[in-house]
Amino acid sequence: INLEIKKGQSIGIIGASGSGKTTLVDLILGLLKPKK
């Protein structure tokens, strides 16, 4: 996953159920740590 959010940007995270949206948000929040 490669992603950059710059000042002033808004993003939406969309995808099918089970596609990793919540996992991605949890990584961004620092609740989970990436394996790599």
PDB file of all heavy atoms in Angstrom:
ATOM      1  N   ILE A   1       0.850  -1.187   0.000  1.00  0.00           N
ATOM      2  CA  ILE A   1       0.000   0.000   0.000  1.00  0.00           C
ATOM      3  C   ILE A   1       0.886   1.238   0.000  1.00  0.00           C
ATOM      4  O   ILE A   1       1.753   1.407   0.851  1.00  0.00           O
ATOM      5  CB  ILE A   1      -0.933   0.026   1.236  1.00  0.00           C
ATOM      6  CG1 ILE A   1      -1.833  -1.205   1.278  1.00  0.00           C
ATOM      7  CG2 ILE A   1      -1.742   1.324   1.270  1.00  0.00           C
ATOM      8  CD1 ILE A   1      -2.795  -1.338   0.117  1.00  0.00           C
ATOM      9  N   ASN A   2       0.673   2.083  -0.978  1.00  0.00           N
ATOM     10  CA  ASN A   2       1.358   3.367  -1.090  1.00  0.00           C
ATOM     11  C   ASN A   2       0.283   4.440  -1.130  1.00  0.00           C
ATOM     12  O   ASN A   2      -0.632   4.380  -1.963  1.00  0.00           O
ATOM     13  CB  ASN A   2       2.207   3.436  -2.357  1.00  0.00           C
ATOM     14  CG  ASN A   2       3.358   2.463  -2.303  1.00  0.00           C
ATOM     15  OD1 ASN A   2       4.256   2.612  -1.494  1.00  0.00           O
ATOM     16  ND2 ASN A   2       3.309   1.444  -3.145  1.00  0.00           N
ATOM     17  N   LEU A   3       0.390   5.397  -0.224  1.00  0.00           N
ATOM     18  CA  LEU A   3      -0.646   6.415  -0.114  1.00  0.00           C
ATOM     19  C   LEU A   3      -0.020   7.658   0.484  1.00  0.00           C
ATOM     20  O   LEU A   3       0.816   7.564   1.385  1.00  0.00           O
ATOM     21  CB  LEU A   3      -1.761   5.897   0.805  1.00  0.00           C
ATOM     22  CG  LEU A   3      -2.847   6.858   1.248  1.00  0.00           C
ATOM     23  CD1 LEU A   3      -3.722   7.251   0.068  1.00  0.00           C
ATOM     24  CD2 LEU A   3      -3.692   6.209   2.339  1.00  0.00           C
ATOM     25  N   GLU A   4      -0.403   8.814  -0.030  1.00  0.00           N
ATOM     26  CA  GLU A   4       0.030  10.058   0.589  1.00  0.00           C
ATOM     27  C   GLU A   4      -1.168  10.983   0.700  1.00  0.00           C
ATOM     28  O   GLU A   4      -1.894  11.210  -0.269  1.00  0.00           O
ATOM     29  CB  GLU A   4       1.139  10.740  -0.215  1.00  0.00           C
ATOM     30  CG  GLU A   4       1.646  11.990   0.481  1.00  0.00           C
ATOM     31  CD  GLU A   4       2.887  12.572  -0.156  1.00  0.00           C
ATOM     32  OE1 GLU A   4       3.198  12.230  -1.306  1.00  0.00           O
ATOM     33  OE2 GLU A   4       3.546  13.377   0.521  1.00  0.00           O
ATOM     34  N   ILE A   5      -1.354  11.491   1.903  1.00  0.00           N
ATOM     35  CA  ILE A   5      -2.418  12.460   2.164  1.00  0.00           C
ATOM     36  C   ILE A   5      -1.720  13.759   2.523  1.00  0.00           C
ATOM     37  O   ILE A   5      -0.978  13.826   3.501  1.00  0.00           O
ATOM     38  CB  ILE A   5      -3.332  12.009   3.312  1.00  0.00           C
ATOM     39  CG1 ILE A   5      -3.907  10.617   3.034  1.00  0.00           C
ATOM     40  CG2 ILE A   5      -4.448  13.036   3.525  1.00  0.00           C
ATOM     41  CD1 ILE A   5      -4.591   9.990   4.223  1.00  0.00           C
ATOM     42  N   LYS A   6      -1.945  14.779   1.713  1.00  0.00           N
ATOM     43  CA  LYS A   6      -1.300  16.064   1.942  1.00  0.00           C
ATOM     44  C   LYS A   6      -2.255  17.023   2.649  1.00  0.00           C
ATOM     45  O   LYS A   6      -3.474  16.818   2.643  1.00  0.00           O
ATOM     46  CB  LYS A   6      -0.854  16.667   0.611  1.00  0.00           C
ATOM     47  CG  LYS A   6       0.250  15.869  -0.059  1.00  0.00           C
ATOM     48  CD  LYS A   6       0.677  16.510  -1.340  1.00  0.00           C
ATOM     49  CE  LYS A   6       1.766  15.679  -1.994  1.00  0.00           C
ATOM     50  NZ  LYS A   6       2.208  16.243  -3.257  1.00  0.00           N
ATOM     51  N   LYS A   7      -1.684  18.038   3.226  1.00  0.00           N
ATOM     52  CA  LYS A   7      -2.447  19.067   3.918  1.00  0.00           C
ATOM     53  C   LYS A   7      -3.602  19.545   3.041  1.00  0.00           C
ATOM     54  O   LYS A   7      -3.429  19.816   1.858  1.00  0.00           O
ATOM     55  CB  LYS A   7      -1.522  20.239   4.252  1.00  0.00           C
ATOM     56  CG  LYS A   7      -2.208  21.397   4.916  1.00  0.00           C
ATOM     57  CD  LYS A   7      -1.212  22.508   5.197  1.00  0.00           C
ATOM     58  CE  LYS A   7      -1.910  23.706   5.772  1.00  0.00           C
ATOM     59  NZ  LYS A   7      -0.954  24.751   6.124  1.00  0.00           N
ATOM     60  N   GLY A   8      -4.782  19.570   3.626  1.00  0.00           N
ATOM     61  CA  GLY A   8      -5.957  20.067   2.919  1.00  0.00           C
ATOM     62  C   GLY A   8      -6.704  19.030   2.113  1.00  0.00           C
ATOM     63  O   GLY A   8      -7.806  19.295   1.638  1.00  0.00           O
ATOM     64  N   GLN A   9      -6.150  17.858   1.940  1.00  0.00           N
ATOM     65  CA  GLN A   9      -6.809  16.817   1.164  1.00  0.00           C
ATOM     66  C   GLN A   9      -7.800  16.037   2.017  1.00  0.00           C
ATOM     67  O   GLN A   9      -7.602  15.872   3.215  1.00  0.00           O
ATOM     68  CB  GLN A   9      -5.804  15.816   0.599  1.00  0.00           C
ATOM     69  CG  GLN A   9      -5.024  16.297  -0.570  1.00  0.00           C
ATOM     70  CD  GLN A   9      -4.137  15.196  -1.147  1.00  0.00           C
ATOM     71  OE1 GLN A   9      -3.538  14.431  -0.403  1.00  0.00           O
ATOM     72  NE2 GLN A   9      -4.069  15.123  -2.451  1.00  0.00           N
ATOM     73  N   SER A  10      -8.835  15.576   1.372  1.00  0.00           N
ATOM     74  CA  SER A  10      -9.765  14.637   1.982  1.00  0.00           C
ATOM     75  C   SER A  10      -9.753  13.394   1.116  1.00  0.00           C
ATOM     76  O   SER A  10      -9.638  13.483  -0.109  1.00  0.00           O
ATOM     77  CB  SER A  10     -11.183  15.205   1.994  1.00  0.00           C
ATOM     78  OG  SER A  10     -11.246  16.339   2.814  1.00  0.00           O
ATOM     79  N   ILE A  11      -9.845  12.254   1.754  1.00  0.00           N
ATOM     80  CA  ILE A  11      -9.878  11.021   0.991  1.00  0.00           C
ATOM     81  C   ILE A  11     -11.063  10.181   1.440  1.00  0.00           C
ATOM     82  O   ILE A  11     -11.581  10.371   2.541  1.00  0.00           O
ATOM     83  CB  ILE A  11      -8.580  10.194   1.134  1.00  0.00           C
ATOM     84  CG1 ILE A  11      -8.410   9.689   2.571  1.00  0.00           C
ATOM     85  CG2 ILE A  11      -7.373  10.993   0.686  1.00  0.00           C
ATOM     86  CD1 ILE A  11      -7.415   8.565   2.696  1.00  0.00           C
ATOM     87  N   GLY A  12     -11.457   9.273   0.591  1.00  0.00           N
ATOM     88  CA  GLY A  12     -12.454   8.270   0.933  1.00  0.00           C
ATOM     89  C   GLY A  12     -11.821   6.904   0.743  1.00  0.00           C
ATOM     90  O   GLY A  12     -10.997   6.719  -0.154  1.00  0.00           O
ATOM     91  N   ILE A  13     -12.170   5.994   1.605  1.00  0.00           N
ATOM     92  CA  ILE A  13     -11.653   4.630   1.492  1.00  0.00           C
ATOM     93  C   ILE A  13     -12.847   3.741   1.202  1.00  0.00           C
ATOM     94  O   ILE A  13     -13.743   3.597   2.038  1.00  0.00           O
ATOM     95  CB  ILE A  13     -10.933   4.198   2.786  1.00  0.00           C
ATOM     96  CG1 ILE A  13      -9.761   5.138   3.055  1.00  0.00           C
ATOM     97  CG2 ILE A  13     -10.453   2.756   2.680  1.00  0.00           C
ATOM     98  CD1 ILE A  13      -9.093   4.947   4.393  1.00  0.00           C
ATOM     99  N   ILE A  14     -12.868   3.179  -0.004  1.00  0.00           N
ATOM    100  CA  ILE A  14     -13.997   2.364  -0.409  1.00  0.00           C
ATOM    101  C   ILE A  14     -13.507   0.985  -0.839  1.00  0.00           C
ATOM    102  O   ILE A  14     -12.339   0.817  -1.186  1.00  0.00           O
ATOM    103  CB  ILE A  14     -14.800   3.019  -1.565  1.00  0.00           C
ATOM    104  CG1 ILE A  14     -13.902   3.240  -2.793  1.00  0.00           C
ATOM    105  CG2 ILE A  14     -15.421   4.333  -1.111  1.00  0.00           C
ATOM    106  CD1 ILE A  14     -14.653   3.695  -4.019  1.00  0.00           C
ATOM    107  N   GLY A  15     -14.390   0.035  -0.789  1.00  0.00           N
ATOM    108  CA  GLY A  15     -14.049  -1.310  -1.221  1.00  0.00           C
ATOM    109  C   GLY A  15     -15.070  -2.306  -0.710  1.00  0.00           C
ATOM    110  O   GLY A  15     -15.896  -1.990   0.150  1.00  0.00           O
ATOM    111  N   ALA A  16     -14.975  -3.489  -1.227  1.00  0.00           N
ATOM    112  CA  ALA A  16     -15.898  -4.549  -0.836  1.00  0.00           C
ATOM    113  C   ALA A  16     -15.659  -4.957   0.614  1.00  0.00           C
ATOM    114  O   ALA A  16     -14.586  -4.725   1.177  1.00  0.00           O
ATOM    115  CB  ALA A  16     -15.716  -5.753  -1.760  1.00  0.00           C
ATOM    116  N   SER A  17     -16.641  -5.584   1.197  1.00  0.00           N
ATOM    117  CA  SER A  17     -16.507  -6.101   2.553  1.00  0.00           C
ATOM    118  C   SER A  17     -15.332  -7.079   2.594  1.00  0.00           C
ATOM    119  O   SER A  17     -15.179  -7.930   1.723  1.00  0.00           O
ATOM    120  CB  SER A  17     -17.802  -6.814   2.950  1.00  0.00           C
ATOM    121  OG  SER A  17     -17.698  -7.332   4.242  1.00  0.00           O
ATOM    122  N   GLY A  18     -14.462  -6.905   3.595  1.00  0.00           N
ATOM    123  CA  GLY A  18     -13.314  -7.792   3.725  1.00  0.00           C
ATOM    124  C   GLY A  18     -12.109  -7.389   2.903  1.00  0.00           C
ATOM    125  O   GLY A  18     -11.109  -8.103   2.861  1.00  0.00           O
ATOM    126  N   SER A  19     -12.167  -6.225   2.244  1.00  0.00           N
ATOM    127  CA  SER A  19     -11.065  -5.817   1.371  1.00  0.00           C
ATOM    128  C   SER A  19      -9.935  -5.110   2.121  1.00  0.00           C
ATOM    129  O   SER A  19      -8.908  -4.800   1.527  1.00  0.00           O
ATOM    130  CB  SER A  19     -11.587  -4.912   0.246  1.00  0.00           C
ATOM    131  OG  SER A  19     -12.127  -3.718   0.781  1.00  0.00           O
ATOM    132  N   GLY A  20     -10.107  -4.827   3.419  1.00  0.00           N
ATOM    133  CA  GLY A  20      -9.035  -4.247   4.210  1.00  0.00           C
ATOM    134  C   GLY A  20      -9.215  -2.782   4.568  1.00  0.00           C
ATOM    135  O   GLY A  20      -8.279  -2.153   5.056  1.00  0.00           O
ATOM    136  N   LYS A  21     -10.404  -2.227   4.366  1.00  0.00           N
ATOM    137  CA  LYS A  21     -10.629  -0.806   4.665  1.00  0.00           C
ATOM    138  C   LYS A  21     -10.382  -0.498   6.145  1.00  0.00           C
ATOM    139  O   LYS A  21      -9.648   0.430   6.478  1.00  0.00           O
ATOM    140  CB  LYS A  21     -12.067  -0.400   4.298  1.00  0.00           C
ATOM    141  CG  LYS A  21     -12.428  -0.574   2.840  1.00  0.00           C
ATOM    142  CD  LYS A  21     -13.853  -0.169   2.553  1.00  0.00           C
ATOM    143  CE  LYS A  21     -14.890  -0.955   3.300  1.00  0.00           C
ATOM    144  NZ  LYS A  21     -15.037  -2.352   2.941  1.00  0.00           N
ATOM    145  N   THR A  22     -10.980  -1.268   7.018  1.00  0.00           N
ATOM    146  CA  THR A  22     -10.822  -1.039   8.456  1.00  0.00           C
ATOM    147  C   THR A  22      -9.385  -1.289   8.882  1.00  0.00           C
ATOM    148  O   THR A  22      -8.829  -0.541   9.701  1.00  0.00           O
ATOM    149  CB  THR A  22     -11.791  -1.933   9.256  1.00  0.00           C
ATOM    150  OG1 THR A  22     -13.131  -1.626   8.848  1.00  0.00           O
ATOM    151  CG2 THR A  22     -11.650  -1.709  10.749  1.00  0.00           C
ATOM    152  N   THR A  23      -8.749  -2.297   8.321  1.00  0.00           N
ATOM    153  CA  THR A  23      -7.348  -2.573   8.630  1.00  0.00           C
ATOM    154  C   THR A  23      -6.483  -1.381   8.227  1.00  0.00           C
ATOM    155  O   THR A  23      -5.604  -0.958   8.987  1.00  0.00           O
ATOM    156  CB  THR A  23      -6.872  -3.848   7.900  1.00  0.00           C
ATOM    157  OG1 THR A  23      -7.707  -4.938   8.301  1.00  0.00           O
ATOM    158  CG2 THR A  23      -5.418  -4.160   8.199  1.00  0.00           C
ATOM    159  N   LEU A  24      -6.738  -0.809   7.067  1.00  0.00           N
ATOM    160  CA  LEU A  24      -5.989   0.360   6.608  1.00  0.00           C
ATOM    161  C   LEU A  24      -6.180   1.534   7.567  1.00  0.00           C
ATOM    162  O   LEU A  24      -5.212   2.191   7.967  1.00  0.00           O
ATOM    163  CB  LEU A  24      -6.410   0.746   5.192  1.00  0.00           C
ATOM    164  CG  LEU A  24      -5.740   1.985   4.606  1.00  0.00           C
ATOM    165  CD1 LEU A  24      -4.231   1.809   4.528  1.00  0.00           C
ATOM    166  CD2 LEU A  24      -6.327   2.287   3.229  1.00  0.00           C
ATOM    167  N   VAL A  25      -7.405   1.781   7.963  1.00  0.00           N
ATOM    168  CA  VAL A  25      -7.674   2.877   8.902  1.00  0.00           C
ATOM    169  C   VAL A  25      -6.976   2.613  10.235  1.00  0.00           C
ATOM    170  O   VAL A  25      -6.377   3.519  10.827  1.00  0.00           O
ATOM    171  CB  VAL A  25      -9.192   3.085   9.089  1.00  0.00           C
ATOM    172  CG1 VAL A  25      -9.477   4.036  10.244  1.00  0.00           C
ATOM    173  CG2 VAL A  25      -9.822   3.613   7.804  1.00  0.00           C
ATOM    174  N   ASP A  26      -7.021   1.381  10.714  1.00  0.00           N
ATOM    175  CA  ASP A  26      -6.353   1.041  11.975  1.00  0.00           C
ATOM    176  C   ASP A  26      -4.835   1.240  11.882  1.00  0.00           C
ATOM    177  O   ASP A  26      -4.199   1.650  12.847  1.00  0.00           O
ATOM    178  CB  ASP A  26      -6.678  -0.395  12.385  1.00  0.00           C
ATOM    179  CG  ASP A  26      -8.100  -0.549  12.901  1.00  0.00           C
ATOM    180  OD1 ASP A  26      -8.767   0.480  13.164  1.00  0.00           O
ATOM    181  OD2 ASP A  26      -8.557  -1.700  13.051  1.00  0.00           O
ATOM    182  N   LEU A  27      -4.254   0.980  10.726  1.00  0.00           N
ATOM    183  CA  LEU A  27      -2.824   1.237  10.515  1.00  0.00           C
ATOM    184  C   LEU A  27      -2.547   2.744  10.543  1.00  0.00           C
ATOM    185  O   LEU A  27      -1.600   3.202  11.185  1.00  0.00           O
ATOM    186  CB  LEU A  27      -2.349   0.643   9.193  1.00  0.00           C
ATOM    187  CG  LEU A  27      -2.151  -0.865   9.168  1.00  0.00           C
ATOM    188  CD1 LEU A  27      -2.104  -1.376   7.728  1.00  0.00           C
ATOM    189  CD2 LEU A  27      -0.890  -1.255   9.908  1.00  0.00           C
ATOM    190  N   ILE A  28      -3.383   3.507   9.850  1.00  0.00           N
ATOM    191  CA  ILE A  28      -3.219   4.963   9.806  1.00  0.00           C
ATOM    192  C   ILE A  28      -3.365   5.557  11.206  1.00  0.00           C
ATOM    193  O   ILE A  28      -2.638   6.473  11.581  1.00  0.00           O
ATOM    194  CB  ILE A  28      -4.225   5.601   8.819  1.00  0.00           C
ATOM    195  CG1 ILE A  28      -3.835   5.246   7.375  1.00  0.00           C
ATOM    196  CG2 ILE A  28      -4.316   7.108   9.014  1.00  0.00           C
ATOM    197  CD1 ILE A  28      -4.865   5.622   6.335  1.00  0.00           C
ATOM    198  N   LEU A  29      -4.266   5.022  11.988  1.00  0.00           N
ATOM    199  CA  LEU A  29      -4.467   5.516  13.352  1.00  0.00           C
ATOM    200  C   LEU A  29      -3.349   5.080  14.294  1.00  0.00           C
ATOM    201  O   LEU A  29      -3.223   5.605  15.395  1.00  0.00           O
ATOM    202  CB  LEU A  29      -5.806   5.027  13.905  1.00  0.00           C
ATOM    203  CG  LEU A  29      -7.050   5.626  13.265  1.00  0.00           C
ATOM    204  CD1 LEU A  29      -8.305   4.934  13.779  1.00  0.00           C
ATOM    205  CD2 LEU A  29      -7.118   7.122  13.523  1.00  0.00           C
ATOM    206  N   GLY A  30      -2.547   4.121  13.867  1.00  0.00           N
ATOM    207  CA  GLY A  30      -1.477   3.622  14.721  1.00  0.00           C
ATOM    208  C   GLY A  30      -1.938   2.547  15.686  1.00  0.00           C
ATOM    209  O   GLY A  30      -1.226   2.189  16.619  1.00  0.00           O
ATOM    210  N   LEU A  31      -3.120   2.008  15.456  1.00  0.00           N
ATOM    211  CA  LEU A  31      -3.644   0.936  16.309  1.00  0.00           C
ATOM    212  C   LEU A  31      -3.032  -0.406  15.930  1.00  0.00           C
ATOM    213  O   LEU A  31      -2.962  -1.313  16.755  1.00  0.00           O
ATOM    214  CB  LEU A  31      -5.172   0.864  16.205  1.00  0.00           C
ATOM    215  CG  LEU A  31      -5.910   2.145  16.612  1.00  0.00           C
ATOM    216  CD1 LEU A  31      -7.393   2.005  16.324  1.00  0.00           C
ATOM    217  CD2 LEU A  31      -5.663   2.463  18.077  1.00  0.00           C
ATOM    218  N   LEU A  32      -2.614  -0.529  14.683  1.00  0.00           N
ATOM    219  CA  LEU A  32      -1.909  -1.711  14.200  1.00  0.00           C
ATOM    220  C   LEU A  32      -0.566  -1.262  13.639  1.00  0.00           C
ATOM    221  O   LEU A  32      -0.427  -0.124  13.184  1.00  0.00           O
ATOM    222  CB  LEU A  32      -2.707  -2.407  13.086  1.00  0.00           C
ATOM    223  CG  LEU A  32      -4.073  -2.975  13.447  1.00  0.00           C
ATOM    224  CD1 LEU A  32      -4.777  -3.480  12.194  1.00  0.00           C
ATOM    225  CD2 LEU A  32      -3.949  -4.074  14.480  1.00  0.00           C
ATOM    226  N   LYS A  33       0.395  -2.161  13.665  1.00  0.00           N
ATOM    227  CA  LYS A  33       1.716  -1.869  13.106  1.00  0.00           C
ATOM    228  C   LYS A  33       1.892  -2.679  11.831  1.00  0.00           C
ATOM    229  O   LYS A  33       1.583  -3.870  11.805  1.00  0.00           O
ATOM    230  CB  LYS A  33       2.812  -2.237  14.097  1.00  0.00           C
ATOM    231  CG  LYS A  33       2.783  -1.423  15.359  1.00  0.00           C
ATOM    232  CD  LYS A  33       3.859  -1.875  16.323  1.00  0.00           C
ATOM    233  CE  LYS A  33       3.750  -1.114  17.617  1.00  0.00           C
ATOM    234  NZ  LYS A  33       4.710  -1.561  18.616  1.00  0.00           N
ATOM    235  N   PRO A  34       2.415  -2.055  10.780  1.00  0.00           N
ATOM    236  CA  PRO A  34       2.632  -2.817   9.545  1.00  0.00           C
ATOM    237  C   PRO A  34       3.677  -3.911   9.753  1.00  0.00           C
ATOM    238  O   PRO A  34       4.609  -3.750  10.541  1.00  0.00           O
ATOM    239  CB  PRO A  34       3.125  -1.773   8.550  1.00  0.00           C
ATOM    240  CG  PRO A  34       3.479  -0.573   9.327  1.00  0.00           C
ATOM    241  CD  PRO A  34       2.842  -0.664  10.671  1.00  0.00           C
ATOM    242  N   LYS A  35       3.498  -5.027   9.055  1.00  0.00           N
ATOM    243  CA  LYS A  35       4.505  -6.097   9.105  1.00  0.00           C
ATOM    244  C   LYS A  35       5.723  -5.701   8.280  1.00  0.00           C
ATOM    245  O   LYS A  35       6.836  -6.083   8.578  1.00  0.00           O
ATOM    246  CB  LYS A  35       3.923  -7.412   8.582  1.00  0.00           C
ATOM    247  CG  LYS A  35       2.735  -7.918   9.378  1.00  0.00           C
ATOM    248  CD  LYS A  35       3.093  -8.160  10.829  1.00  0.00           C
ATOM    249  CE  LYS A  35       1.869  -8.611  11.600  1.00  0.00           C
ATOM    250  NZ  LYS A  35       2.019  -8.564  13.032  1.00  0.00           N
ATOM    251  N   LYS A  36       5.476  -4.939   7.226  1.00  0.00           N
ATOM    252  CA  LYS A  36       6.552  -4.413   6.375  1.00  0.00           C
ATOM    253  C   LYS A  36       6.127  -3.042   5.891  1.00  0.00           C
ATOM    254  O   LYS A  36       4.957  -2.721   5.839  1.00  0.00           O
ATOM    255  CB  LYS A  36       6.804  -5.334   5.181  1.00  0.00           C
ATOM    256  CG  LYS A  36       7.341  -6.686   5.570  1.00  0.00           C
ATOM    257  CD  LYS A  36       7.755  -7.494   4.369  1.00  0.00           C
ATOM    258  CE  LYS A  36       8.301  -8.830   4.885  1.00  0.00           C
ATOM    259  NZ  LYS A  36       8.750  -9.688   3.824  1.00  0.00           N
TER     260      LYS A  36
END
